[in-house]
């Protein structure tokens, strides 16, 4: 996506890439396909508006966090497919580490519970399961990174001088970074058996890391990196402590800026780095991570064939007045916040002969709103701050039915900004700040504008009745996989 100085979209190009499911619970991507798609969309977006490299002030990158890539330093070839954040193959390792010290064993250092979600155990799995990988890593022949690191290394020269770096937000999702020092923690590296030589240097989210070496971006500074959810927080200009956004994408991610304060969670949330702009102190966030929201609509489309396009789900769901008593708990990868139950699995509850595919479609959308309410409640308890309204962004916020139900079940106003692609916008803001294209945070705040808002209309008895049934359905998903 190309943005101008006012924060408006100048050009956009996008392409899907393959989702690979080799076994139940395993989710992979081809890193070289992601790199090809990156080259293609850069070219297409520039070509659409007749833009050249010299028209660009800077490039920012935002990415799926936790998705783990290991590649050869000399050739640039990955030694395995990327292990995606949703991948659950390290569940046995989670149980192994939790035996000595419990699920929160490393939470004090990292802000994270032991979970299949984060990069550290995925990296450990690759080093233990790919032939000769551990020895090559110790020799300094392999490089690790989330997708941001893999892209920056390739875009700045690859084997010929590519920069092996990441930013604090992505680093904080590896479960290897110490939140206090903002550097790799030797105790964690030893516990997970990770050689330090494989890890990227940790940088701020907004500085010049290097310049593009591809002809289409030759000489353009690459100057911003933010993990996707932190990028949305910046794109929504949530720069003050207590400001909150919710991104509705493949999963759903609610973040609250807690300023320079690291807030440990007692109610099932993550403590993470929000952003670090240049030499300014890092800002932290509380995060509620929900694994499956938009991915559930894709599942309805791809696995069941109930809809042809993701956008059709709203039309189908609107064809019935309510969910018909049907609840869908999408614990495909276990349950994330606020439960953190690896052994949960997906459940459809409340089925009768009356239920049809439209009720299922409605239950799919409502699952996103119910899960978001659970996270909002946990966040209010942890922070001691009551939410007045919820800023929303991401692909699913185009769905008016979902947004109205979200307002109804939360009993809060839901606000959609004028630019809904706030994840890409946040990366652009970080890059623009680094090169002086944008002057300061006040300038960015002034660009934020409302597109639409939704007010709650549901009666309290109905709202709480629906939520009570949802909670009952959630308990049915617990402990499905035998430990």
Protein backbone atom coordinates (compact mmCIF):
# COMPACT_ATOMS: atom_id res chain seq x y z
CA UNK A 1 0.00 0.00 0.00
CA UNK A 2 1.23 3.49 -0.85
CA UNK A 3 0.17 6.40 1.39
CA UNK A 4 0.55 10.14 0.92
CA UNK A 5 1.39 12.80 3.51
CA UNK A 6 -2.26 13.11 4.56
CA UNK A 7 -2.42 9.37 5.38
CA UNK A 8 -4.68 8.63 2.41
CA UNK A 9 -4.23 5.55 0.24
CA UNK A 10 -2.59 6.38 -3.10
CA UNK A 11 -2.32 2.84 -4.45
CA UNK A 12 -2.86 -0.72 -3.32
CA UNK A 13 -2.08 -4.19 -4.66
CA UNK A 14 -2.69 -7.46 -2.82
CA UNK A 15 -2.34 -11.18 -3.44
CA UNK A 16 -3.21 -14.24 -1.41
CA UNK A 17 -0.58 -16.89 -0.79
CA UNK A 18 -1.01 -20.57 -0.09
CA UNK A 19 -2.01 -21.88 3.33
CA UNK A 20 -0.36 -25.29 3.83
CA UNK A 21 -1.86 -27.85 6.24
CA UNK A 22 0.39 -30.98 6.21
CA UNK A 23 -1.29 -32.56 9.27
CA UNK A 24 -4.06 -31.67 11.72
CA UNK A 25 -2.85 -28.68 13.77
CA UNK A 26 0.13 -27.97 11.47
CA UNK A 27 0.01 -24.68 9.54
CA UNK A 28 2.82 -23.63 7.18
CA UNK A 29 3.71 -20.97 4.61
CA UNK A 30 6.29 -21.01 1.82
CA UNK A 31 8.64 -18.08 2.64
CA UNK A 32 9.86 -17.86 -0.96
CA UNK A 33 6.26 -17.52 -2.18
CA UNK A 34 5.74 -14.70 0.34
CA UNK A 35 8.91 -13.02 -1.00
CA UNK A 36 7.70 -13.40 -4.61
CA UNK A 37 4.28 -11.99 -3.72
CA UNK A 38 6.01 -9.07 -1.96
CA UNK A 39 8.00 -8.26 -5.11
CA UNK A 40 4.85 -8.56 -7.24
CA UNK A 41 2.64 -6.29 -5.12
CA UNK A 42 5.36 -3.63 -4.80
CA UNK A 43 5.64 -3.57 -8.59
CA UNK A 44 1.88 -3.55 -9.18
CA UNK A 45 1.14 -0.82 -6.62
CA UNK A 46 3.80 1.48 -8.11
CA UNK A 47 2.82 0.72 -11.70
CA UNK A 48 -0.88 1.47 -11.08
CA UNK A 49 -0.05 5.11 -10.34
CA UNK A 50 3.07 5.44 -12.50
CA UNK A 51 5.33 5.74 -9.46
CA UNK A 52 9.12 5.26 -9.37
CA UNK A 53 11.52 4.52 -6.51
CA UNK A 54 12.36 8.23 -6.23
CA UNK A 55 8.68 8.98 -5.46
CA UNK A 56 8.94 7.02 -2.20
CA UNK A 57 10.20 8.67 0.99
CA UNK A 58 10.52 5.40 2.93
CA UNK A 59 9.24 1.85 3.22
CA UNK A 60 7.63 0.33 6.32
CA UNK A 61 6.92 -3.35 6.86
CA UNK A 62 4.21 -4.96 8.93
CA UNK A 63 3.83 -8.70 9.22
CA UNK A 64 2.18 -11.66 10.86
CA UNK A 65 4.06 -11.99 14.12
CA UNK A 66 5.35 -15.32 15.50
CA UNK A 67 5.46 -16.98 12.04
CA UNK A 68 8.93 -18.53 12.10
CA UNK A 69 11.46 -18.74 9.25
CA UNK A 70 14.96 -20.27 9.28
CA UNK A 71 17.13 -19.85 6.19
CA UNK A 72 20.67 -20.34 4.89
CA UNK A 73 22.87 -17.26 5.26
CA UNK A 74 24.80 -18.00 2.03
CA UNK A 75 21.95 -18.96 -0.32
CA UNK A 76 18.87 -17.33 1.22
CA UNK A 77 16.97 -20.60 0.92
CA UNK A 78 14.71 -21.57 3.84
CA UNK A 79 15.58 -24.93 5.38
CA UNK A 80 11.86 -25.65 5.97
CA UNK A 81 8.50 -24.03 5.40
CA UNK A 82 7.65 -21.20 7.78
CA UNK A 83 5.77 -22.38 10.88
CA UNK A 84 2.73 -20.11 11.18
CA UNK A 85 1.58 -18.59 14.47
CA UNK A 86 -1.48 -20.89 14.45
CA UNK A 87 0.65 -24.04 14.19
CA UNK A 88 0.28 -26.32 17.25
CA UNK A 89 3.00 -28.93 16.63
CA UNK A 90 4.97 -27.82 19.71
CA UNK A 91 2.11 -28.62 22.13
CA UNK A 92 4.16 -31.43 23.74
CA UNK A 93 7.05 -29.00 24.26
CA UNK A 94 4.68 -26.55 25.98
CA UNK A 95 3.63 -29.33 28.36
CA UNK A 96 7.29 -30.35 28.89
CA UNK A 97 8.39 -26.82 29.86
CA UNK A 98 5.27 -26.18 31.96
CA UNK A 99 6.00 -29.26 34.12
CA UNK A 100 8.81 -27.35 35.80
CA UNK A 101 7.45 -23.95 36.79
CA UNK A 102 3.98 -23.97 35.22
CA UNK A 103 2.52 -22.19 32.20
CA UNK A 104 3.71 -18.80 33.49
CA UNK A 105 7.30 -19.95 33.99
CA UNK A 106 8.75 -17.26 31.69
CA UNK A 107 6.02 -14.64 32.04
CA UNK A 108 8.02 -12.31 34.30
CA UNK A 109 10.79 -11.91 31.68
CA UNK A 110 8.67 -12.07 28.52
CA UNK A 111 5.08 -11.10 29.45
CA UNK A 112 3.95 -14.33 27.75
CA UNK A 113 2.61 -17.69 28.97
CA UNK A 114 4.00 -20.91 27.56
CA UNK A 115 2.00 -21.55 24.41
CA UNK A 116 2.29 -22.99 20.90
CA UNK A 117 1.69 -19.40 19.69
CA UNK A 118 5.16 -17.85 19.99
CA UNK A 119 8.28 -18.19 17.83
CA UNK A 120 10.79 -19.57 20.35
CA UNK A 121 9.45 -23.12 20.57
CA UNK A 122 8.82 -23.16 16.81
CA UNK A 123 12.48 -22.26 16.21
CA UNK A 124 13.53 -24.96 18.68
CA UNK A 125 11.37 -27.50 16.79
CA UNK A 126 13.02 -26.66 13.46
CA UNK A 127 16.53 -26.92 14.94
CA UNK A 128 15.68 -30.31 16.44
CA UNK A 129 13.80 -31.78 13.48
CA UNK A 130 15.57 -30.57 10.32
CA UNK A 131 18.71 -32.59 9.55
CA UNK A 132 21.99 -30.85 10.56
CA UNK A 133 20.13 -27.62 11.45
CA UNK A 134 21.43 -27.31 14.99
CA UNK A 135 25.07 -27.67 13.97
CA UNK A 136 24.61 -25.21 11.10
CA UNK A 137 22.96 -22.71 13.48
CA UNK A 138 25.81 -22.98 15.99
CA UNK A 139 28.31 -22.46 13.15
CA UNK A 140 26.54 -19.22 12.20
CA UNK A 141 25.35 -20.56 8.83
CA UNK A 142 21.61 -20.17 9.52
CA UNK A 143 19.47 -17.11 10.20
CA UNK A 144 16.14 -16.93 12.04
CA UNK A 145 13.40 -14.35 11.92
CA UNK A 146 9.73 -13.67 11.77
CA UNK A 147 8.51 -12.62 8.31
CA UNK A 148 9.68 -9.01 8.86
CA UNK A 149 13.28 -10.16 9.32
CA UNK A 150 13.18 -12.45 6.27
CA UNK A 151 11.80 -9.66 4.07
CA UNK A 152 14.20 -6.94 5.26
CA UNK A 153 17.20 -9.26 4.79
CA UNK A 154 16.10 -10.02 1.23
CA UNK A 155 15.08 -6.46 0.30
CA UNK A 156 18.43 -5.04 1.51
CA UNK A 157 20.67 -7.45 -0.39
CA UNK A 158 20.04 -10.97 0.85
CA UNK A 159 23.26 -13.04 0.80
CA UNK A 160 25.07 -9.93 -0.45
CA UNK A 161 24.97 -7.72 2.64
CA UNK A 162 21.31 -8.06 3.68
CA UNK A 163 20.50 -6.61 7.10
CA UNK A 164 19.60 -9.30 9.66
CA UNK A 165 17.41 -7.29 12.04
CA UNK A 166 14.01 -7.17 13.69
CA UNK A 167 12.14 -4.58 15.71
CA UNK A 168 11.20 -4.72 19.39
CA UNK A 169 7.54 -5.59 18.69
CA UNK A 170 8.36 -8.71 16.69
CA UNK A 171 11.19 -9.64 19.05
CA UNK A 172 8.76 -9.47 21.99
CA UNK A 173 6.70 -12.26 20.35
CA UNK A 174 9.50 -14.81 20.24
CA UNK A 175 9.41 -15.54 24.01
CA UNK A 176 13.18 -15.00 23.88
CA UNK A 177 13.25 -11.24 24.53
CA UNK A 178 13.48 -9.69 28.00
CA UNK A 179 10.87 -6.91 28.22
CA UNK A 180 13.04 -4.89 30.62
CA UNK A 181 16.33 -4.95 28.68
CA UNK A 182 14.75 -5.24 25.19
CA UNK A 183 17.49 -7.72 24.31
CA UNK A 184 17.68 -11.50 23.94
CA UNK A 185 17.70 -13.15 27.38
CA UNK A 186 20.49 -15.69 27.94
CA UNK A 187 18.42 -17.66 30.47
CA UNK A 188 15.64 -18.09 27.90
CA UNK A 189 18.08 -18.97 25.10
CA UNK A 190 19.62 -21.66 27.32
CA UNK A 191 16.21 -23.06 28.31
CA UNK A 192 15.04 -23.27 24.68
CA UNK A 193 18.48 -24.36 23.37
CA UNK A 194 18.71 -21.47 20.90
CA UNK A 195 22.18 -20.42 19.68
CA UNK A 196 22.47 -16.62 19.84
CA UNK A 197 24.25 -16.57 16.45
CA UNK A 198 20.97 -17.36 14.65
CA UNK A 199 19.08 -14.37 16.09
CA UNK A 200 18.68 -10.95 14.42
CA UNK A 201 19.77 -7.66 15.99
CA UNK A 202 16.91 -5.94 17.85
CA UNK A 203 16.17 -2.39 16.64
CA UNK A 204 13.50 0.23 17.29
CA UNK A 205 10.28 0.24 15.25
CA UNK A 206 11.20 3.49 13.50
CA UNK A 207 14.74 4.01 12.18
CA UNK A 208 16.62 3.51 8.91
CA UNK A 209 17.66 -0.18 8.80
CA UNK A 210 19.06 -0.13 5.28
CA UNK A 211 18.06 0.73 1.71
CA UNK A 212 16.29 -1.27 -0.95
CA UNK A 213 18.48 -3.09 -3.47
CA UNK A 214 15.74 -4.19 -5.91
CA UNK A 215 15.60 -1.87 -8.94
CA UNK A 216 11.97 -0.90 -8.21
CA UNK A 217 12.88 0.30 -4.69
CA UNK A 218 16.59 0.95 -5.23
CA UNK A 219 17.99 3.39 -2.66
CA UNK A 220 14.68 3.82 -0.78
CA UNK A 221 15.21 3.69 3.02
CA UNK A 222 13.53 0.77 4.78
CA UNK A 223 12.73 2.61 7.97
CA UNK A 224 9.78 1.11 9.84
CA UNK A 225 8.87 -2.33 11.20
CA UNK A 226 5.90 -3.16 13.40
CA UNK A 227 4.23 -6.49 14.09
CA UNK A 228 0.76 -6.32 12.59
CA UNK A 229 -1.20 -5.68 15.78
CA UNK A 230 1.19 -3.05 17.07
CA UNK A 231 1.09 -1.45 13.61
CA UNK A 232 -2.69 -1.17 13.89
CA UNK A 233 -2.30 0.48 17.33
CA UNK A 234 0.02 3.09 15.72
CA UNK A 235 -2.26 3.41 12.66
CA UNK A 236 -5.19 4.10 15.01
CA UNK A 237 -2.96 6.73 16.73
CA UNK A 238 -3.48 5.10 20.14
CA UNK A 239 -0.45 6.89 21.58
CA UNK A 240 -1.88 7.71 25.02
CA UNK A 241 -1.99 5.20 27.90
CA UNK A 242 -5.45 3.63 28.12
CA UNK A 243 -6.26 3.95 24.39
CA UNK A 244 -7.46 0.69 22.83
CA UNK A 245 -7.99 -0.78 19.37
CA UNK A 246 -9.34 -4.13 18.15
CA UNK A 247 -8.19 -5.58 14.82
CA UNK A 248 -10.49 -8.09 13.13
CA UNK A 249 -8.32 -10.18 10.81
CA UNK A 250 -7.47 -13.88 10.60
CA UNK A 251 -7.53 -13.69 14.37
CA UNK A 252 -8.70 -10.85 16.59
CA UNK A 253 -6.30 -8.74 18.61
CA UNK A 254 -7.23 -6.16 21.23
CA UNK A 255 -4.38 -3.91 22.37
CA UNK A 256 -4.27 -1.28 25.09
CA UNK A 257 -1.39 1.20 25.28
CA UNK A 258 0.03 1.16 28.84
CA UNK A 259 2.74 3.76 28.14
CA UNK A 260 6.20 3.20 29.62
CA UNK A 261 4.69 0.91 32.27
CA UNK A 262 5.01 -2.88 31.93
CA UNK A 263 1.69 -4.20 33.27
CA UNK A 264 1.73 -7.89 34.24
CA UNK A 265 -1.58 -9.59 33.48
CA UNK A 266 -3.54 -11.54 36.07
CA UNK A 267 -6.50 -12.23 33.76
CA UNK A 268 -5.09 -14.13 30.81
CA UNK A 269 -3.72 -11.31 28.64
CA UNK A 270 -0.23 -10.84 27.19
CA UNK A 271 2.19 -8.08 28.12
CA UNK A 272 4.00 -6.96 24.99
CA UNK A 273 5.97 -4.10 23.43
CA UNK A 274 3.61 -1.62 21.73
CA UNK A 275 6.29 0.29 19.78
CA UNK A 276 9.61 2.08 20.13
CA UNK A 277 10.01 5.16 17.95
CA UNK A 278 13.67 5.93 17.33
CA UNK A 279 15.53 6.79 20.53
CA UNK A 280 12.32 7.39 22.53
CA UNK A 281 11.64 4.94 25.40
CA UNK A 282 9.67 1.84 24.45
CA UNK A 283 5.92 1.88 25.02
CA UNK A 284 4.18 -1.27 26.22
CA UNK A 285 0.74 -2.79 25.76
CA UNK A 286 -1.68 -5.34 27.16
CA UNK A 287 -2.94 -7.64 24.43
CA UNK A 288 -5.84 -10.03 24.16
CA UNK A 289 -5.11 -12.51 21.36
CA UNK A 290 -7.94 -14.53 19.82
CA UNK A 291 -6.71 -17.20 17.41
CA UNK A 292 -9.64 -17.68 15.04
CA UNK A 293 -12.07 -14.99 13.81
CA UNK A 294 -11.74 -14.13 10.10
CA UNK A 295 -10.14 -17.56 9.64
CA UNK A 296 -13.50 -19.05 10.68
CA UNK A 297 -15.20 -17.30 7.74
CA UNK A 298 -12.48 -18.71 5.46
CA UNK A 299 -13.14 -22.17 6.94
CA UNK A 300 -16.85 -21.80 6.16
CA UNK A 301 -15.85 -20.92 2.59
CA UNK A 302 -12.96 -23.33 1.94
CA UNK A 303 -13.71 -26.39 4.09
CA UNK A 304 -17.52 -26.49 4.03
CA UNK A 305 -18.28 -24.60 0.80
CA UNK A 306 -21.26 -22.87 2.47
CA UNK A 307 -20.26 -19.51 0.91
CA UNK A 308 -18.34 -18.71 -2.29
CA UNK A 309 -16.67 -15.51 -1.09
CA UNK A 310 -15.89 -14.31 2.43
CA UNK A 311 -18.12 -11.26 1.87
CA UNK A 312 -21.15 -13.52 1.36
CA UNK A 313 -21.24 -14.45 5.04
CA UNK A 314 -23.05 -11.24 6.01
CA UNK A 315 -25.83 -11.71 3.43
CA UNK A 316 -26.36 -15.31 4.53
CA UNK A 317 -26.32 -14.40 8.25
CA UNK A 318 -28.82 -11.56 7.66
CA UNK A 319 -31.30 -14.00 6.16
CA UNK A 320 -32.23 -15.15 9.70
CA UNK A 321 -33.24 -13.01 12.66
CA UNK A 322 -30.92 -14.62 15.23
CA UNK A 323 -28.50 -17.52 15.74
CA UNK A 324 -31.29 -20.07 16.25
CA UNK A 325 -29.62 -21.17 19.49
CA UNK A 326 -26.39 -22.14 17.67
CA UNK A 327 -22.96 -21.24 19.11
CA UNK A 328 -19.61 -21.89 17.40
CA UNK A 329 -16.45 -21.95 19.54
CA UNK A 330 -13.57 -21.91 17.01
CA UNK A 331 -10.82 -23.46 19.17
CA UNK A 332 -9.04 -24.87 16.10
CA UNK A 333 -5.62 -24.13 17.65
CA UNK A 334 -6.76 -24.35 21.25
CA UNK A 335 -8.07 -21.27 23.04
CA UNK A 336 -5.93 -18.14 23.40
CA UNK A 337 -6.87 -15.17 25.65
CA UNK A 338 -8.19 -15.24 28.28
CA UNK A 339 -8.15 -19.06 28.68
CA UNK A 340 -4.83 -20.30 27.21
CA UNK A 341 -6.04 -23.87 26.87
CA UNK A 342 -3.94 -25.79 24.33
CA UNK A 343 -6.16 -28.88 24.64
CA UNK A 344 -9.41 -27.16 23.62
CA UNK A 345 -10.84 -27.83 20.14
CA UNK A 346 -13.64 -26.37 18.04
CA UNK A 347 -17.25 -26.99 19.07
CA UNK A 348 -20.63 -26.21 17.49
CA UNK A 349 -23.25 -26.29 20.24
CA UNK A 350 -27.03 -25.91 20.41
CA UNK A 351 -27.88 -27.67 17.14
CA UNK A 352 -31.49 -28.68 16.49
CA UNK A 353 -33.35 -29.70 13.31
CA UNK A 354 -34.40 -26.04 13.05
CA UNK A 355 -30.80 -24.85 12.54
CA UNK A 356 -29.63 -24.20 8.98
CA UNK A 357 -26.55 -22.82 7.23
CA UNK A 358 -27.67 -19.23 7.82
CA UNK A 359 -27.76 -19.84 11.58
CA UNK A 360 -24.26 -21.32 11.32
CA UNK A 361 -23.07 -18.23 9.40
CA UNK A 362 -24.54 -16.00 12.09
CA UNK A 363 -22.90 -18.09 14.83
CA UNK A 364 -19.57 -17.69 13.01
CA UNK A 365 -19.84 -13.88 13.11
CA UNK A 366 -21.15 -13.78 16.67
CA UNK A 367 -18.21 -15.93 17.87
CA UNK A 368 -15.88 -13.04 16.99
CA UNK A 369 -17.93 -10.56 19.04
CA UNK A 370 -18.32 -12.90 22.03
CA UNK A 371 -14.57 -13.61 22.13
CA UNK A 372 -13.82 -9.88 21.91
CA UNK A 373 -16.08 -9.19 24.90
CA UNK A 374 -14.23 -11.80 26.97
CA UNK A 375 -10.94 -10.04 26.20
CA UNK A 376 -12.37 -6.54 26.90
CA UNK A 377 -13.53 -7.72 30.33
CA UNK A 378 -10.08 -9.16 31.11
CA UNK A 379 -8.40 -5.94 29.95
CA UNK A 380 -10.61 -3.74 32.13
CA UNK A 381 -9.74 -5.89 35.17
CA UNK A 382 -5.99 -5.85 34.46
CA UNK A 383 -5.74 -2.15 33.68
CA UNK A 384 -8.37 -0.77 36.03
CA UNK A 385 -9.58 1.34 33.08
CA UNK A 386 -13.17 1.14 31.82
CA UNK A 387 -13.54 1.35 28.04
CA UNK A 388 -15.82 4.08 26.80
CA UNK A 389 -15.70 3.01 23.15
CA UNK A 390 -13.81 0.55 20.95
CA UNK A 391 -11.78 1.60 17.88
CA UNK A 392 -11.93 -1.16 15.30
CA UNK A 393 -10.06 -2.00 12.10
CA UNK A 394 -9.14 -4.93 9.85
CA UNK A 395 -10.90 -6.83 7.09
CA UNK A 396 -14.00 -7.83 9.06
CA UNK A 397 -15.02 -4.28 10.04
CA UNK A 398 -16.69 -3.90 6.63
CA UNK A 399 -19.30 -6.31 8.01
CA UNK A 400 -22.01 -4.04 9.43
CA UNK A 401 -23.93 -6.92 11.01
CA UNK A 402 -20.85 -7.99 12.99
CA UNK A 403 -20.06 -4.41 14.06
CA UNK A 404 -23.64 -3.84 15.31
CA UNK A 405 -23.60 -7.14 17.22
CA UNK A 406 -20.20 -6.22 18.69
CA UNK A 407 -21.66 -2.95 20.03
CA UNK A 408 -24.71 -4.82 21.33
CA UNK A 409 -22.81 -7.59 23.14
CA UNK A 410 -20.20 -5.17 24.57
CA UNK A 411 -22.77 -2.50 25.45
CA UNK A 412 -20.21 0.03 24.16
CA UNK A 413 -19.97 2.27 21.11
CA UNK A 414 -17.89 0.78 18.27
CA UNK A 415 -15.98 3.26 16.09
CA UNK A 416 -14.61 2.56 12.60
CA UNK A 417 -11.96 4.99 11.27
CA UNK A 418 -11.93 6.56 7.80
CA UNK A 419 -8.82 4.54 6.84
CA UNK A 420 -9.58 0.95 7.83
CA UNK A 421 -6.24 -0.47 6.65
CA UNK A 422 -4.66 0.80 9.85
CA UNK A 423 -2.07 -2.00 9.99
CA UNK A 424 -0.41 -0.86 6.76
CA UNK A 425 -0.92 2.78 7.77
CA UNK A 426 0.91 2.19 11.07
CA UNK A 427 3.93 0.76 9.23
CA UNK A 428 3.88 3.79 6.92
CA UNK A 429 3.71 6.14 9.91
CA UNK A 430 6.71 4.43 11.57
CA UNK A 431 8.77 4.68 8.36
CA UNK A 432 7.68 8.27 7.69
CA UNK A 433 8.62 9.41 11.21
CA UNK A 434 12.11 7.91 10.83
CA UNK A 435 12.91 10.01 7.72
CA UNK A 436 11.09 13.20 8.75
CA UNK A 437 8.25 12.73 6.23
CA UNK A 438 5.93 13.08 9.24
CA UNK A 439 6.97 15.54 11.95
CA UNK A 440 5.56 14.06 15.17
CA UNK A 441 2.74 12.13 16.84
CA UNK A 442 0.50 15.19 17.03
CA UNK A 443 0.55 15.41 13.23
CA UNK A 444 -0.46 11.75 13.00
CA UNK A 445 -3.24 12.17 15.59
CA UNK A 446 -4.71 15.02 13.58
CA UNK A 447 -5.16 12.68 10.57
CA UNK A 448 -7.40 10.20 12.44
CA UNK A 449 -11.06 10.53 11.42
CA UNK A 450 -14.27 8.54 12.01
CA UNK A 451 -16.00 6.74 9.15
CA UNK A 452 -18.91 5.25 11.10
CA UNK A 453 -19.95 4.28 14.63
CA UNK A 454 -22.42 1.78 16.08
CA UNK A 455 -24.34 2.23 19.32
CA UNK A 456 -25.70 -0.70 21.37
CA UNK A 457 -29.44 -1.39 21.14
CA UNK A 458 -29.81 -4.84 22.74
CA UNK A 459 -31.79 -5.12 25.99
CA UNK A 460 -29.64 -6.17 28.94
CA UNK A 461 -31.56 -9.40 29.63
CA UNK A 462 -31.13 -10.55 26.03
CA UNK A 463 -27.46 -9.49 25.92
CA UNK A 464 -26.57 -11.34 29.12
CA UNK A 465 -28.63 -14.38 28.11
CA UNK A 466 -26.70 -14.72 24.84
CA UNK A 467 -23.39 -14.25 26.62
CA UNK A 468 -24.26 -16.83 29.28
CA UNK A 469 -24.98 -19.42 26.56
CA UNK A 470 -21.72 -18.54 24.82
CA UNK A 471 -19.79 -19.12 28.07
CA UNK A 472 -21.48 -22.50 28.43
CA UNK A 473 -20.47 -23.45 24.86
CA UNK A 474 -16.86 -22.42 25.57
CA UNK A 475 -16.64 -24.85 28.50
CA UNK A 476 -17.67 -27.68 26.14
CA UNK A 477 -14.50 -27.12 24.10
CA UNK A 478 -12.14 -27.59 27.09
CA UNK A 479 -9.81 -30.61 27.37
CA UNK A 480 -10.89 -32.19 24.10
CA UNK A 481 -7.35 -33.39 23.38
CA UNK A 482 -6.18 -35.83 26.01
CA UNK A 483 -3.04 -34.66 27.79
